[in-house]
């Protein structure tokens, strides 16, 4: 018990000092917006999907040198094997981005909704996306895991829900 209290105390001191340093850095930082346009490609983990292609637009508000809030939307198309009906959806996500290692590498978490554009399937889904990336002034490259909670899949020959996929994003961005 005493050991866990000591660990908790050390963790709180670390978090407080990190927050205090971030506040000092952000006082002289000029906050700004950034807009980016990206191309996405992905590999779904579940049948009947073969691959995913899409494009997106991301509006990013830089709170400080290391923290940003993001809004992302676009269009993705899941290609179905055996000449079935392809599955299109519009993701609408909000996220939080934290830059690490000299403000080029980042981790980001996004959540939101995926809205089906396929007439044969008229449902929507929750969407969760943790990602790792590298960004310069104009280029943004990232890898993310994307989970669509309510999209139809086939698991072990049985219809189910919950599509997981790995996505790669290449984007061009600029300050507004």
N, C-alpha and C. Protein backbone atom coordinates (compact mmCIF):
# COMPACT_ATOMS: atom_id res chain seq x y z
N UNK A 1 0.83 -1.19 0.00
CA UNK A 1 0.00 0.00 0.00
C UNK A 1 0.87 1.25 0.00
N UNK A 2 1.91 1.24 0.86
CA UNK A 2 2.80 2.40 0.96
C UNK A 2 3.55 2.61 -0.35
N UNK A 3 3.92 1.50 -1.00
CA UNK A 3 4.64 1.59 -2.28
C UNK A 3 3.75 2.22 -3.36
N UNK A 4 2.47 1.85 -3.40
CA UNK A 4 1.57 2.42 -4.41
C UNK A 4 1.30 3.90 -4.14
N UNK A 5 1.26 4.32 -2.88
CA UNK A 5 1.09 5.74 -2.56
C UNK A 5 2.31 6.53 -3.01
N UNK A 6 3.50 5.98 -2.80
CA UNK A 6 4.73 6.65 -3.25
C UNK A 6 4.76 6.78 -4.77
N UNK A 7 4.37 5.72 -5.48
CA UNK A 7 4.34 5.76 -6.94
C UNK A 7 3.33 6.79 -7.42
N UNK A 8 2.15 6.82 -6.80
CA UNK A 8 1.13 7.79 -7.15
C UNK A 8 1.63 9.22 -6.91
N UNK A 9 2.32 9.44 -5.80
CA UNK A 9 2.88 10.77 -5.50
C UNK A 9 3.90 11.20 -6.53
N UNK A 10 4.78 10.29 -6.92
CA UNK A 10 5.80 10.61 -7.93
C UNK A 10 5.14 10.92 -9.26
N UNK A 11 4.12 10.13 -9.62
CA UNK A 11 3.39 10.36 -10.86
C UNK A 11 2.71 11.72 -10.86
N UNK A 12 2.07 12.10 -9.75
CA UNK A 12 1.41 13.41 -9.66
C UNK A 12 2.41 14.55 -9.76
N UNK A 13 3.58 14.42 -9.12
CA UNK A 13 4.61 15.46 -9.22
C UNK A 13 5.09 15.59 -10.66
N UNK A 14 5.30 14.46 -11.34
CA UNK A 14 5.73 14.49 -12.74
C UNK A 14 4.68 15.17 -13.62
N UNK A 15 3.41 14.78 -13.45
CA UNK A 15 2.35 15.37 -14.27
C UNK A 15 2.21 16.86 -14.01
N UNK A 16 2.28 17.29 -12.75
CA UNK A 16 2.16 18.70 -12.42
C UNK A 16 3.32 19.50 -13.00
N UNK A 17 4.53 18.98 -12.89
CA UNK A 17 5.68 19.72 -13.44
C UNK A 17 5.62 19.78 -14.96
N UNK A 18 5.17 18.70 -15.61
CA UNK A 18 5.01 18.72 -17.07
C UNK A 18 3.98 19.75 -17.49
N UNK A 19 2.85 19.82 -16.76
CA UNK A 19 1.81 20.79 -17.06
C UNK A 19 2.32 22.21 -16.85
N UNK A 20 3.09 22.44 -15.79
CA UNK A 20 3.62 23.78 -15.51
C UNK A 20 4.59 24.23 -16.58
N UNK A 21 5.46 23.34 -17.04
CA UNK A 21 6.42 23.69 -18.10
C UNK A 21 5.67 23.97 -19.40
N UNK A 22 4.66 23.19 -19.70
CA UNK A 22 3.87 23.42 -20.92
C UNK A 22 3.19 24.77 -20.87
N UNK A 23 2.70 25.18 -19.70
CA UNK A 23 2.06 26.48 -19.57
C UNK A 23 3.05 27.61 -19.78
N UNK A 24 4.27 27.45 -19.27
CA UNK A 24 5.29 28.48 -19.47
C UNK A 24 5.65 28.61 -20.95
N UNK A 25 5.76 27.48 -21.64
CA UNK A 25 6.09 27.51 -23.07
C UNK A 25 4.96 28.12 -23.88
N UNK A 26 3.71 27.89 -23.50
CA UNK A 26 2.59 28.33 -24.32
C UNK A 26 2.25 29.80 -24.12
N UNK A 27 2.78 30.47 -23.09
CA UNK A 27 2.46 31.87 -22.88
C UNK A 27 2.94 32.74 -24.04
N UNK A 28 4.10 32.43 -24.60
CA UNK A 28 4.65 33.22 -25.70
C UNK A 28 4.37 32.60 -27.07
N UNK A 29 3.60 31.56 -27.11
CA UNK A 29 3.31 30.86 -28.35
C UNK A 29 2.09 31.48 -29.02
N UNK A 30 2.23 31.79 -30.30
CA UNK A 30 1.11 32.33 -31.06
C UNK A 30 0.27 31.18 -31.60
N UNK A 31 -0.91 31.01 -31.06
CA UNK A 31 -1.80 29.92 -31.47
C UNK A 31 -2.27 30.15 -32.91
N UNK A 32 -2.42 29.06 -33.66
CA UNK A 32 -2.85 29.20 -35.04
C UNK A 32 -3.59 27.96 -35.52
N UNK A 33 -4.24 28.11 -36.67
CA UNK A 33 -4.92 27.01 -37.32
C UNK A 33 -4.03 26.47 -38.44
N UNK A 34 -4.21 25.18 -38.72
CA UNK A 34 -3.53 24.53 -39.83
C UNK A 34 -4.55 23.69 -40.56
N UNK A 35 -4.47 23.66 -41.88
CA UNK A 35 -5.38 22.87 -42.70
C UNK A 35 -4.56 21.87 -43.50
N UNK A 36 -5.02 20.62 -43.54
CA UNK A 36 -4.32 19.59 -44.27
C UNK A 36 -5.26 18.74 -45.09
N UNK A 37 -4.76 18.28 -46.24
CA UNK A 37 -5.51 17.39 -47.12
C UNK A 37 -4.71 16.12 -47.30
N UNK A 38 -5.35 14.96 -47.06
CA UNK A 38 -4.61 13.70 -47.08
C UNK A 38 -5.25 12.62 -47.90
N UNK A 39 -4.42 11.65 -48.26
CA UNK A 39 -4.86 10.42 -48.91
C UNK A 39 -4.65 9.28 -47.93
N UNK A 40 -5.63 8.37 -47.86
CA UNK A 40 -5.61 7.26 -46.92
C UNK A 40 -5.67 5.93 -47.65
N UNK A 41 -4.95 4.96 -47.13
CA UNK A 41 -5.04 3.59 -47.63
C UNK A 41 -5.04 2.67 -46.42
N UNK A 42 -5.81 1.59 -46.51
CA UNK A 42 -5.90 0.71 -45.35
C UNK A 42 -6.10 -0.74 -45.69
N UNK A 43 -5.80 -1.57 -44.68
CA UNK A 43 -6.00 -3.00 -44.78
C UNK A 43 -6.97 -3.44 -43.69
N UNK A 44 -8.21 -3.78 -44.05
CA UNK A 44 -9.18 -4.27 -43.07
C UNK A 44 -8.80 -5.66 -42.56
N UNK A 45 -9.11 -5.92 -41.29
CA UNK A 45 -8.82 -7.22 -40.68
C UNK A 45 -9.93 -8.24 -40.89
N UNK A 46 -11.09 -7.79 -41.34
CA UNK A 46 -12.25 -8.67 -41.40
C UNK A 46 -12.76 -8.83 -42.83
N UNK A 47 -13.38 -9.99 -43.09
CA UNK A 47 -14.06 -10.23 -44.36
C UNK A 47 -15.37 -9.48 -44.33
N UNK A 48 -15.91 -9.12 -45.42
CA UNK A 48 -15.57 -9.41 -46.80
C UNK A 48 -14.70 -8.35 -47.47
N UNK A 49 -14.03 -7.50 -46.69
CA UNK A 49 -13.31 -6.34 -47.24
C UNK A 49 -11.87 -6.69 -47.61
N UNK A 50 -11.40 -6.14 -48.76
CA UNK A 50 -10.03 -6.34 -49.22
C UNK A 50 -9.12 -5.20 -48.83
N UNK A 51 -9.51 -3.98 -49.16
CA UNK A 51 -8.70 -2.82 -48.81
C UNK A 51 -9.59 -1.59 -48.77
N UNK A 52 -9.01 -0.48 -48.31
CA UNK A 52 -9.73 0.77 -48.11
C UNK A 52 -8.94 1.91 -48.74
N UNK A 53 -9.59 2.75 -49.50
CA UNK A 53 -8.98 3.95 -50.06
C UNK A 53 -9.86 5.15 -49.72
N UNK A 54 -9.22 6.28 -49.47
CA UNK A 54 -10.00 7.47 -49.15
C UNK A 54 -9.18 8.73 -49.16
N UNK A 55 -9.86 9.83 -48.88
CA UNK A 55 -9.23 11.15 -48.79
C UNK A 55 -9.87 11.88 -47.63
N UNK A 56 -9.14 12.83 -47.07
CA UNK A 56 -9.69 13.58 -45.94
C UNK A 56 -9.18 15.01 -45.91
N UNK A 57 -9.85 15.81 -45.09
CA UNK A 57 -9.43 17.18 -44.78
C UNK A 57 -9.39 17.29 -43.27
N UNK A 58 -8.32 17.90 -42.74
CA UNK A 58 -8.16 18.04 -41.29
C UNK A 58 -7.88 19.50 -40.94
N UNK A 59 -8.69 20.02 -40.03
CA UNK A 59 -8.46 21.35 -39.47
C UNK A 59 -7.87 21.15 -38.09
N UNK A 60 -6.72 21.77 -37.86
CA UNK A 60 -5.99 21.60 -36.61
C UNK A 60 -5.79 22.94 -35.95
N UNK A 61 -6.11 23.03 -34.65
CA UNK A 61 -5.86 24.25 -33.88
C UNK A 61 -4.73 23.95 -32.91
N UNK A 62 -3.62 24.67 -33.07
CA UNK A 62 -2.45 24.47 -32.22
C UNK A 62 -2.61 25.27 -30.93
N UNK A 63 -2.86 24.57 -29.83
CA UNK A 63 -3.03 25.20 -28.53
C UNK A 63 -1.69 25.70 -28.01
N UNK A 64 -0.66 24.90 -28.19
CA UNK A 64 0.71 25.24 -27.78
C UNK A 64 1.66 24.59 -28.76
N UNK A 65 2.94 24.64 -28.44
CA UNK A 65 3.93 24.01 -29.32
C UNK A 65 3.76 22.50 -29.39
N UNK A 66 3.19 21.92 -28.35
CA UNK A 66 3.11 20.46 -28.29
C UNK A 66 1.69 19.88 -28.29
N UNK A 67 0.67 20.70 -28.19
CA UNK A 67 -0.70 20.19 -28.10
C UNK A 67 -1.58 20.82 -29.17
N UNK A 68 -2.43 19.98 -29.78
CA UNK A 68 -3.35 20.46 -30.81
C UNK A 68 -4.69 19.73 -30.69
N UNK A 69 -5.74 20.41 -31.14
CA UNK A 69 -7.06 19.82 -31.27
C UNK A 69 -7.37 19.73 -32.75
N UNK A 70 -7.94 18.60 -33.18
CA UNK A 70 -8.16 18.36 -34.61
C UNK A 70 -9.62 18.02 -34.91
N UNK A 71 -10.06 18.40 -36.10
CA UNK A 71 -11.35 18.00 -36.66
C UNK A 71 -11.06 17.43 -38.05
N UNK A 72 -11.48 16.19 -38.29
CA UNK A 72 -11.18 15.51 -39.55
C UNK A 72 -12.46 14.96 -40.16
N UNK A 73 -12.60 15.13 -41.47
CA UNK A 73 -13.69 14.51 -42.21
C UNK A 73 -13.18 14.16 -43.61
N UNK A 74 -13.91 13.36 -44.32
CA UNK A 74 -13.49 12.95 -45.66
C UNK A 74 -14.41 11.90 -46.22
N UNK A 75 -13.85 11.00 -47.02
CA UNK A 75 -14.61 9.90 -47.59
C UNK A 75 -13.69 8.69 -47.72
N UNK A 76 -14.18 7.52 -47.34
CA UNK A 76 -13.45 6.26 -47.47
C UNK A 76 -14.33 5.26 -48.19
N UNK A 77 -13.68 4.39 -48.97
CA UNK A 77 -14.38 3.34 -49.69
C UNK A 77 -13.73 2.00 -49.37
N UNK A 78 -14.51 1.10 -48.77
CA UNK A 78 -14.05 -0.26 -48.50
C UNK A 78 -14.40 -1.12 -49.71
N UNK A 79 -13.39 -1.73 -50.30
CA UNK A 79 -13.60 -2.59 -51.46
C UNK A 79 -13.89 -4.01 -50.98
N UNK A 80 -14.96 -4.59 -51.52
CA UNK A 80 -15.44 -5.89 -51.10
C UNK A 80 -14.94 -6.95 -52.07
N UNK A 81 -14.54 -8.11 -51.54
CA UNK A 81 -14.06 -9.21 -52.39
C UNK A 81 -15.22 -9.84 -53.14
N UNK A 82 -14.90 -10.58 -54.15
CA UNK A 82 -15.89 -11.32 -54.97
C UNK A 82 -16.91 -10.41 -55.62
N UNK A 83 -16.51 -9.25 -56.08
CA UNK A 83 -17.35 -8.32 -56.83
C UNK A 83 -18.65 -7.98 -56.12
N UNK A 84 -18.61 -7.89 -54.80
CA UNK A 84 -19.78 -7.47 -54.04
C UNK A 84 -19.91 -5.95 -54.09
N UNK A 85 -20.89 -5.43 -53.39
CA UNK A 85 -21.10 -3.99 -53.34
C UNK A 85 -20.05 -3.35 -52.45
N UNK A 86 -19.31 -2.39 -52.99
CA UNK A 86 -18.33 -1.67 -52.17
C UNK A 86 -19.07 -0.88 -51.10
N UNK A 87 -18.36 -0.55 -50.05
CA UNK A 87 -18.96 0.06 -48.87
C UNK A 87 -18.31 1.43 -48.64
N UNK A 88 -19.05 2.51 -48.82
CA UNK A 88 -18.52 3.85 -48.62
C UNK A 88 -19.03 4.47 -47.33
N UNK A 89 -18.19 5.29 -46.72
CA UNK A 89 -18.59 6.00 -45.51
C UNK A 89 -17.85 7.32 -45.37
N UNK A 90 -18.48 8.24 -44.65
CA UNK A 90 -17.91 9.55 -44.35
C UNK A 90 -17.55 9.58 -42.87
N UNK A 91 -16.25 9.63 -42.53
CA UNK A 91 -15.87 9.74 -41.13
C UNK A 91 -15.90 11.21 -40.69
N UNK A 92 -16.41 11.44 -39.49
CA UNK A 92 -16.39 12.78 -38.88
C UNK A 92 -15.80 12.58 -37.49
N UNK A 93 -14.59 13.13 -37.27
CA UNK A 93 -13.85 12.84 -36.04
C UNK A 93 -13.31 14.11 -35.40
N UNK A 94 -13.23 14.10 -34.08
CA UNK A 94 -12.49 15.12 -33.33
C UNK A 94 -11.36 14.40 -32.63
N UNK A 95 -10.26 15.10 -32.44
CA UNK A 95 -9.10 14.44 -31.85
C UNK A 95 -8.20 15.38 -31.08
N UNK A 96 -7.27 14.76 -30.39
CA UNK A 96 -6.28 15.47 -29.59
C UNK A 96 -4.91 14.95 -29.97
N UNK A 97 -4.00 15.85 -30.35
CA UNK A 97 -2.67 15.49 -30.84
C UNK A 97 -1.62 16.04 -29.88
N UNK A 98 -0.66 15.19 -29.51
CA UNK A 98 0.45 15.59 -28.65
C UNK A 98 1.76 15.31 -29.39
N UNK A 99 2.55 16.36 -29.58
CA UNK A 99 3.84 16.22 -30.24
C UNK A 99 4.90 15.82 -29.23
N UNK A 100 5.79 14.93 -29.65
CA UNK A 100 6.90 14.48 -28.81
C UNK A 100 8.16 14.50 -29.65
N UNK A 101 9.31 14.41 -29.03
CA UNK A 101 10.60 14.36 -29.73
C UNK A 101 10.77 15.53 -30.69
N UNK A 102 11.00 16.69 -30.16
CA UNK A 102 11.28 17.93 -30.90
C UNK A 102 10.17 18.31 -31.88
N UNK A 103 8.93 18.12 -31.47
CA UNK A 103 7.73 18.59 -32.17
C UNK A 103 7.59 18.09 -33.61
N UNK A 104 8.09 16.92 -33.90
CA UNK A 104 7.89 16.33 -35.22
C UNK A 104 7.09 15.03 -35.15
N UNK A 105 7.38 14.20 -34.17
CA UNK A 105 6.63 12.97 -33.98
C UNK A 105 5.44 13.26 -33.07
N UNK A 106 4.34 12.55 -33.31
CA UNK A 106 3.17 12.80 -32.47
C UNK A 106 2.38 11.52 -32.24
N UNK A 107 1.56 11.57 -31.19
CA UNK A 107 0.54 10.57 -30.93
C UNK A 107 -0.79 11.30 -30.94
N UNK A 108 -1.82 10.63 -31.42
CA UNK A 108 -3.12 11.28 -31.53
C UNK A 108 -4.22 10.26 -31.28
N UNK A 109 -5.27 10.73 -30.68
CA UNK A 109 -6.47 9.93 -30.51
C UNK A 109 -7.66 10.67 -31.09
N UNK A 110 -8.48 9.98 -31.86
CA UNK A 110 -9.67 10.58 -32.46
C UNK A 110 -10.88 9.69 -32.18
N UNK A 111 -12.03 10.30 -32.08
CA UNK A 111 -13.28 9.56 -31.99
C UNK A 111 -14.36 10.34 -32.71
N UNK A 112 -15.40 9.65 -33.11
CA UNK A 112 -16.49 10.32 -33.82
C UNK A 112 -17.44 9.31 -34.40
N UNK A 113 -17.95 9.64 -35.59
CA UNK A 113 -18.92 8.79 -36.24
C UNK A 113 -18.53 8.50 -37.67
N UNK A 114 -19.01 7.38 -38.17
CA UNK A 114 -18.83 7.00 -39.56
C UNK A 114 -20.23 6.85 -40.15
N UNK A 115 -20.50 7.62 -41.19
CA UNK A 115 -21.84 7.69 -41.78
C UNK A 115 -21.82 6.99 -43.13
N UNK A 116 -22.62 5.95 -43.24
CA UNK A 116 -22.66 5.12 -44.44
C UNK A 116 -23.22 5.90 -45.63
N UNK A 117 -22.59 5.71 -46.79
CA UNK A 117 -23.10 6.29 -48.04
C UNK A 117 -23.57 5.20 -49.00
N UNK A 118 -23.60 3.96 -48.55
CA UNK A 118 -24.02 2.83 -49.35
C UNK A 118 -25.51 2.59 -49.16
N UNK A 119 -26.25 2.56 -50.26
CA UNK A 119 -27.71 2.40 -50.17
C UNK A 119 -28.11 1.07 -49.53
N UNK A 120 -27.33 0.03 -49.77
CA UNK A 120 -27.68 -1.29 -49.24
C UNK A 120 -27.52 -1.36 -47.72
N UNK A 121 -26.74 -0.47 -47.15
CA UNK A 121 -26.52 -0.47 -45.70
C UNK A 121 -26.71 0.95 -45.21
N UNK A 122 -27.77 1.20 -44.49
CA UNK A 122 -28.15 2.56 -44.13
C UNK A 122 -27.90 2.87 -42.66
N UNK A 123 -26.93 2.21 -42.02
CA UNK A 123 -26.63 2.45 -40.61
C UNK A 123 -25.34 3.25 -40.47
N UNK A 124 -25.14 3.80 -39.29
CA UNK A 124 -23.94 4.56 -38.96
C UNK A 124 -23.21 3.85 -37.83
N UNK A 125 -22.01 4.34 -37.50
CA UNK A 125 -21.21 3.65 -36.50
C UNK A 125 -20.38 4.63 -35.70
N UNK A 126 -20.03 4.23 -34.48
CA UNK A 126 -19.01 4.94 -33.72
C UNK A 126 -17.66 4.60 -34.33
N UNK A 127 -16.70 5.50 -34.16
CA UNK A 127 -15.39 5.36 -34.78
C UNK A 127 -14.32 5.76 -33.78
N UNK A 128 -13.30 4.92 -33.58
CA UNK A 128 -12.19 5.19 -32.68
C UNK A 128 -10.89 5.04 -33.44
N UNK A 129 -9.94 5.98 -33.26
CA UNK A 129 -8.69 5.94 -34.02
C UNK A 129 -7.49 6.42 -33.21
N UNK A 130 -6.68 5.55 -32.64
CA UNK A 130 -5.39 5.98 -32.12
C UNK A 130 -4.37 5.97 -33.27
N UNK A 131 -3.44 6.94 -33.27
CA UNK A 131 -2.47 6.99 -34.36
C UNK A 131 -1.11 7.50 -33.89
N UNK A 132 -0.09 7.16 -34.68
CA UNK A 132 1.28 7.64 -34.51
C UNK A 132 1.67 8.31 -35.82
N UNK A 133 2.39 9.44 -35.72
CA UNK A 133 2.72 10.12 -36.96
C UNK A 133 3.97 10.97 -36.87
N UNK A 134 4.32 11.51 -38.04
CA UNK A 134 5.47 12.40 -38.20
C UNK A 134 5.00 13.58 -39.04
N UNK A 135 5.23 14.79 -38.54
CA UNK A 135 4.77 15.98 -39.27
C UNK A 135 5.88 17.02 -39.33
N UNK A 136 6.02 17.63 -40.51
CA UNK A 136 6.89 18.78 -40.69
C UNK A 136 5.98 19.99 -40.95
N UNK A 137 6.56 21.07 -41.43
CA UNK A 137 5.74 22.26 -41.68
C UNK A 137 4.66 22.00 -42.73
N UNK A 138 4.96 21.16 -43.73
CA UNK A 138 4.01 20.93 -44.82
C UNK A 138 3.55 19.48 -44.98
N UNK A 139 4.31 18.51 -44.50
CA UNK A 139 4.03 17.10 -44.73
C UNK A 139 3.61 16.42 -43.42
N UNK A 140 2.61 15.55 -43.51
CA UNK A 140 2.13 14.78 -42.36
C UNK A 140 1.94 13.34 -42.80
N UNK A 141 2.64 12.41 -42.13
CA UNK A 141 2.50 10.98 -42.42
C UNK A 141 2.13 10.28 -41.12
N UNK A 142 1.14 9.39 -41.18
CA UNK A 142 0.75 8.71 -39.95
C UNK A 142 0.25 7.30 -40.24
N UNK A 143 0.27 6.49 -39.19
CA UNK A 143 -0.28 5.15 -39.19
C UNK A 143 -1.28 5.10 -38.05
N UNK A 144 -2.47 4.55 -38.33
CA UNK A 144 -3.48 4.49 -37.27
C UNK A 144 -4.23 3.17 -37.32
N UNK A 145 -4.76 2.82 -36.18
CA UNK A 145 -5.70 1.71 -36.09
C UNK A 145 -7.07 2.35 -36.05
N UNK A 146 -7.96 1.88 -36.90
CA UNK A 146 -9.31 2.45 -36.96
C UNK A 146 -10.31 1.34 -36.66
N UNK A 147 -11.21 1.61 -35.72
CA UNK A 147 -12.23 0.63 -35.35
C UNK A 147 -13.60 1.24 -35.55
N UNK A 148 -14.39 0.61 -36.40
CA UNK A 148 -15.77 1.01 -36.70
C UNK A 148 -16.68 0.02 -35.98
N UNK A 149 -17.23 0.43 -34.87
CA UNK A 149 -17.93 -0.47 -33.95
C UNK A 149 -19.12 -1.20 -34.57
N UNK A 150 -19.91 -0.54 -35.39
CA UNK A 150 -21.18 -1.12 -35.84
C UNK A 150 -21.21 -1.50 -37.32
N UNK A 151 -20.07 -1.51 -38.02
CA UNK A 151 -20.09 -1.87 -39.42
C UNK A 151 -20.11 -3.39 -39.59
N UNK A 152 -20.82 -3.89 -40.61
CA UNK A 152 -20.97 -5.34 -40.77
C UNK A 152 -19.69 -6.01 -41.24
N UNK A 153 -19.39 -7.15 -40.64
CA UNK A 153 -18.24 -7.98 -41.02
C UNK A 153 -18.67 -9.44 -40.98
N UNK A 154 -17.78 -10.29 -41.43
CA UNK A 154 -18.01 -11.74 -41.33
C UNK A 154 -16.86 -12.31 -40.51
N UNK A 155 -17.20 -12.89 -39.35
CA UNK A 155 -16.20 -13.52 -38.48
C UNK A 155 -16.52 -15.00 -38.38
N UNK A 156 -15.58 -15.83 -38.79
CA UNK A 156 -15.75 -17.29 -38.76
C UNK A 156 -17.00 -17.74 -39.51
N UNK A 157 -17.27 -17.09 -40.63
CA UNK A 157 -18.39 -17.46 -41.46
C UNK A 157 -19.75 -16.97 -40.98
N UNK A 158 -19.77 -16.15 -39.94
CA UNK A 158 -21.03 -15.66 -39.36
C UNK A 158 -21.04 -14.14 -39.44
N UNK A 159 -22.18 -13.56 -39.80
CA UNK A 159 -22.32 -12.10 -39.86
C UNK A 159 -22.19 -11.52 -38.45
N UNK A 160 -21.42 -10.43 -38.34
CA UNK A 160 -21.16 -9.79 -37.05
C UNK A 160 -20.93 -8.30 -37.29
N UNK A 161 -20.62 -7.56 -36.25
CA UNK A 161 -20.29 -6.13 -36.34
C UNK A 161 -18.93 -5.89 -35.71
N UNK A 162 -18.26 -4.81 -36.15
CA UNK A 162 -16.98 -4.42 -35.57
C UNK A 162 -15.82 -4.57 -36.52
N UNK A 163 -15.61 -3.59 -37.37
CA UNK A 163 -14.54 -3.63 -38.36
C UNK A 163 -13.29 -2.94 -37.83
N UNK A 164 -12.18 -3.65 -37.81
CA UNK A 164 -10.88 -3.09 -37.46
C UNK A 164 -10.00 -3.04 -38.68
N UNK A 165 -9.17 -1.99 -38.78
CA UNK A 165 -8.27 -1.87 -39.92
C UNK A 165 -7.07 -1.00 -39.57
N UNK A 166 -5.98 -1.21 -40.28
CA UNK A 166 -4.78 -0.38 -40.18
C UNK A 166 -4.80 0.56 -41.37
N UNK A 167 -4.64 1.87 -41.09
CA UNK A 167 -4.68 2.89 -42.15
C UNK A 167 -3.36 3.67 -42.16
N UNK A 168 -2.96 4.08 -43.36
CA UNK A 168 -1.80 4.94 -43.56
C UNK A 168 -2.30 6.23 -44.19
N UNK A 169 -1.80 7.38 -43.69
CA UNK A 169 -2.24 8.68 -44.21
C UNK A 169 -1.01 9.48 -44.65
N UNK A 170 -1.06 10.04 -45.87
CA UNK A 170 -0.07 10.97 -46.38
C UNK A 170 -0.80 12.27 -46.67
N UNK A 171 -0.31 13.37 -46.09
CA UNK A 171 -1.05 14.63 -46.22
C UNK A 171 -0.12 15.81 -46.46
N UNK A 172 -0.70 16.83 -47.06
CA UNK A 172 -0.05 18.13 -47.24
C UNK A 172 -0.83 19.13 -46.40
N UNK A 173 -0.13 19.91 -45.58
CA UNK A 173 -0.80 20.89 -44.72
C UNK A 173 -0.12 22.23 -44.77
N UNK A 174 -0.85 23.25 -44.35
CA UNK A 174 -0.31 24.61 -44.35
C UNK A 174 -1.02 25.43 -43.27
N UNK A 175 -0.36 26.49 -42.81
CA UNK A 175 -0.95 27.39 -41.82
C UNK A 175 -2.00 28.28 -42.44
N UNK A 176 -3.03 28.58 -41.68
CA UNK A 176 -4.06 29.50 -42.14
C UNK A 176 -3.80 30.89 -41.57
